[in-house]
N, C-alpha and C. Protein backbone atom coordinates (compact mmCIF):
# COMPACT_ATOMS: atom_id res chain seq x y z
N GLN A 1 -0.53 3.04 -17.30
CA GLN A 1 -0.33 4.11 -16.35
C GLN A 1 -1.68 4.72 -16.01
N GLY A 2 -1.93 4.88 -14.75
CA GLY A 2 -3.16 5.52 -14.34
C GLY A 2 -3.99 4.63 -13.44
N ALA A 3 -5.24 5.02 -13.27
CA ALA A 3 -6.15 4.33 -12.36
C ALA A 3 -6.58 2.98 -12.93
N LEU A 4 -6.81 2.05 -12.05
CA LEU A 4 -7.39 0.76 -12.41
C LEU A 4 -8.87 0.83 -12.10
N TRP A 5 -9.68 1.03 -13.11
CA TRP A 5 -11.11 1.16 -12.90
C TRP A 5 -11.70 -0.17 -12.48
N GLY A 6 -12.60 -0.12 -11.52
CA GLY A 6 -13.24 -1.32 -11.02
C GLY A 6 -12.40 -2.07 -9.99
N SER A 7 -11.29 -1.48 -9.58
CA SER A 7 -10.45 -2.14 -8.58
C SER A 7 -10.89 -1.73 -7.18
N HIS A 8 -10.47 -2.49 -6.20
CA HIS A 8 -10.81 -2.23 -4.81
C HIS A 8 -9.55 -2.36 -3.97
N PRO A 9 -8.78 -1.28 -3.83
CA PRO A 9 -7.51 -1.36 -3.09
C PRO A 9 -7.72 -1.77 -1.63
N ILE A 10 -6.85 -2.63 -1.16
CA ILE A 10 -6.90 -3.04 0.24
C ILE A 10 -5.68 -2.54 1.00
N LEU A 11 -4.66 -2.06 0.27
CA LEU A 11 -3.45 -1.52 0.87
C LEU A 11 -2.81 -0.60 -0.17
N ALA A 12 -2.37 0.57 0.26
CA ALA A 12 -1.77 1.52 -0.68
C ALA A 12 -0.49 2.10 -0.10
N LEU A 13 0.42 2.44 -0.99
CA LEU A 13 1.70 3.04 -0.60
C LEU A 13 2.00 4.17 -1.58
N ASP A 14 2.19 5.37 -1.07
CA ASP A 14 2.55 6.53 -1.88
C ASP A 14 4.06 6.55 -2.07
N VAL A 15 4.54 6.40 -3.30
CA VAL A 15 5.98 6.41 -3.55
C VAL A 15 6.44 7.62 -4.36
N TRP A 16 5.62 8.66 -4.41
CA TRP A 16 6.10 9.91 -4.98
C TRP A 16 7.13 10.49 -4.02
N GLU A 17 8.08 11.24 -4.55
CA GLU A 17 9.20 11.73 -3.75
C GLU A 17 8.77 12.48 -2.50
N HIS A 18 7.66 13.21 -2.54
CA HIS A 18 7.25 13.99 -1.37
C HIS A 18 6.98 13.11 -0.16
N SER A 19 6.71 11.83 -0.38
CA SER A 19 6.35 10.96 0.74
C SER A 19 7.55 10.34 1.44
N TYR A 20 8.71 10.31 0.81
CA TYR A 20 9.86 9.64 1.43
C TYR A 20 11.15 10.44 1.43
N TYR A 21 11.27 11.46 0.59
CA TYR A 21 12.56 12.10 0.37
C TYR A 21 13.13 12.76 1.62
N TYR A 22 12.27 13.35 2.45
CA TYR A 22 12.75 14.03 3.66
C TYR A 22 13.48 13.07 4.58
N ASP A 23 12.95 11.87 4.77
CA ASP A 23 13.54 10.88 5.68
C ASP A 23 14.55 9.95 5.02
N TYR A 24 14.35 9.63 3.75
CA TYR A 24 15.15 8.60 3.08
C TYR A 24 16.01 9.11 1.93
N GLY A 25 15.89 10.40 1.61
CA GLY A 25 16.63 10.91 0.46
C GLY A 25 16.19 10.15 -0.79
N PRO A 26 17.14 9.87 -1.69
CA PRO A 26 16.77 9.18 -2.93
C PRO A 26 16.57 7.67 -2.77
N ASP A 27 16.68 7.16 -1.53
CA ASP A 27 16.62 5.72 -1.29
C ASP A 27 15.18 5.23 -1.13
N ARG A 28 14.45 5.20 -2.22
CA ARG A 28 13.06 4.78 -2.19
C ARG A 28 12.91 3.34 -1.70
N GLY A 29 13.86 2.49 -2.04
CA GLY A 29 13.79 1.08 -1.64
C GLY A 29 13.73 0.90 -0.13
N SER A 30 14.52 1.68 0.60
CA SER A 30 14.49 1.58 2.07
C SER A 30 13.15 2.05 2.62
N PHE A 31 12.57 3.07 1.98
CA PHE A 31 11.25 3.54 2.37
C PHE A 31 10.21 2.43 2.20
N VAL A 32 10.25 1.76 1.06
CA VAL A 32 9.31 0.68 0.79
C VAL A 32 9.52 -0.47 1.78
N ASP A 33 10.77 -0.82 2.02
CA ASP A 33 11.07 -1.89 2.99
C ASP A 33 10.53 -1.54 4.38
N ALA A 34 10.74 -0.28 4.81
CA ALA A 34 10.25 0.15 6.12
C ALA A 34 8.73 0.11 6.19
N PHE A 35 8.08 0.50 5.10
CA PHE A 35 6.61 0.45 5.05
C PHE A 35 6.10 -0.96 5.31
N PHE A 36 6.69 -1.93 4.62
CA PHE A 36 6.22 -3.30 4.77
C PHE A 36 6.55 -3.89 6.14
N GLN A 37 7.51 -3.32 6.84
CA GLN A 37 7.82 -3.78 8.19
C GLN A 37 6.78 -3.33 9.21
N VAL A 38 6.08 -2.22 8.94
CA VAL A 38 5.14 -1.69 9.92
C VAL A 38 3.67 -1.93 9.57
N VAL A 39 3.40 -2.56 8.45
CA VAL A 39 2.01 -2.84 8.09
C VAL A 39 1.41 -3.83 9.08
N ASP A 40 0.24 -3.51 9.57
CA ASP A 40 -0.53 -4.45 10.40
C ASP A 40 -1.27 -5.36 9.41
N TRP A 41 -0.68 -6.52 9.13
CA TRP A 41 -1.17 -7.37 8.05
C TRP A 41 -2.57 -7.92 8.30
N GLU A 42 -3.04 -7.88 9.53
CA GLU A 42 -4.40 -8.34 9.80
C GLU A 42 -5.44 -7.41 9.17
N GLU A 43 -5.12 -6.12 9.08
CA GLU A 43 -6.07 -5.16 8.50
C GLU A 43 -6.28 -5.39 7.00
N PRO A 44 -5.23 -5.42 6.17
CA PRO A 44 -5.49 -5.70 4.75
C PRO A 44 -6.07 -7.10 4.53
N ALA A 45 -5.70 -8.07 5.36
CA ALA A 45 -6.27 -9.41 5.23
C ALA A 45 -7.78 -9.37 5.49
N SER A 46 -8.18 -8.60 6.49
CA SER A 46 -9.60 -8.46 6.80
C SER A 46 -10.33 -7.75 5.66
N ARG A 47 -9.73 -6.70 5.12
CA ARG A 47 -10.35 -5.99 3.99
C ARG A 47 -10.50 -6.91 2.79
N TYR A 48 -9.48 -7.72 2.54
CA TYR A 48 -9.54 -8.67 1.42
C TYR A 48 -10.67 -9.68 1.63
N ALA A 49 -10.76 -10.22 2.82
CA ALA A 49 -11.81 -11.20 3.12
C ALA A 49 -13.19 -10.57 2.94
N ASP A 50 -13.35 -9.33 3.39
CA ASP A 50 -14.64 -8.64 3.24
C ASP A 50 -14.99 -8.47 1.76
N LEU A 51 -14.01 -8.09 0.95
CA LEU A 51 -14.27 -7.89 -0.48
C LEU A 51 -14.57 -9.21 -1.19
N VAL A 52 -13.86 -10.26 -0.83
CA VAL A 52 -14.14 -11.56 -1.43
C VAL A 52 -15.58 -11.97 -1.12
N GLU A 53 -15.97 -11.78 0.12
CA GLU A 53 -17.34 -12.12 0.53
C GLU A 53 -18.36 -11.27 -0.22
N THR A 54 -18.06 -10.00 -0.41
CA THR A 54 -18.97 -9.08 -1.10
C THR A 54 -19.19 -9.49 -2.55
N PHE A 55 -18.14 -9.94 -3.21
CA PHE A 55 -18.22 -10.21 -4.64
C PHE A 55 -18.43 -11.67 -5.00
N GLU A 56 -18.65 -12.53 -4.03
CA GLU A 56 -18.93 -13.94 -4.34
C GLU A 56 -20.37 -14.13 -4.73
């Protein structure tokens, strides 16, 4: 539990209740599903490629 030191996040999702409860109530799963439906996957892919290049 806690931070992953030395990590380089390329995509993040806040799943504390304050981030979804107003719209989804206790249904966190639907919130997560909706999040993944709207992600512009080219952006995290680009971030990943940049990090791979940086650390090679």
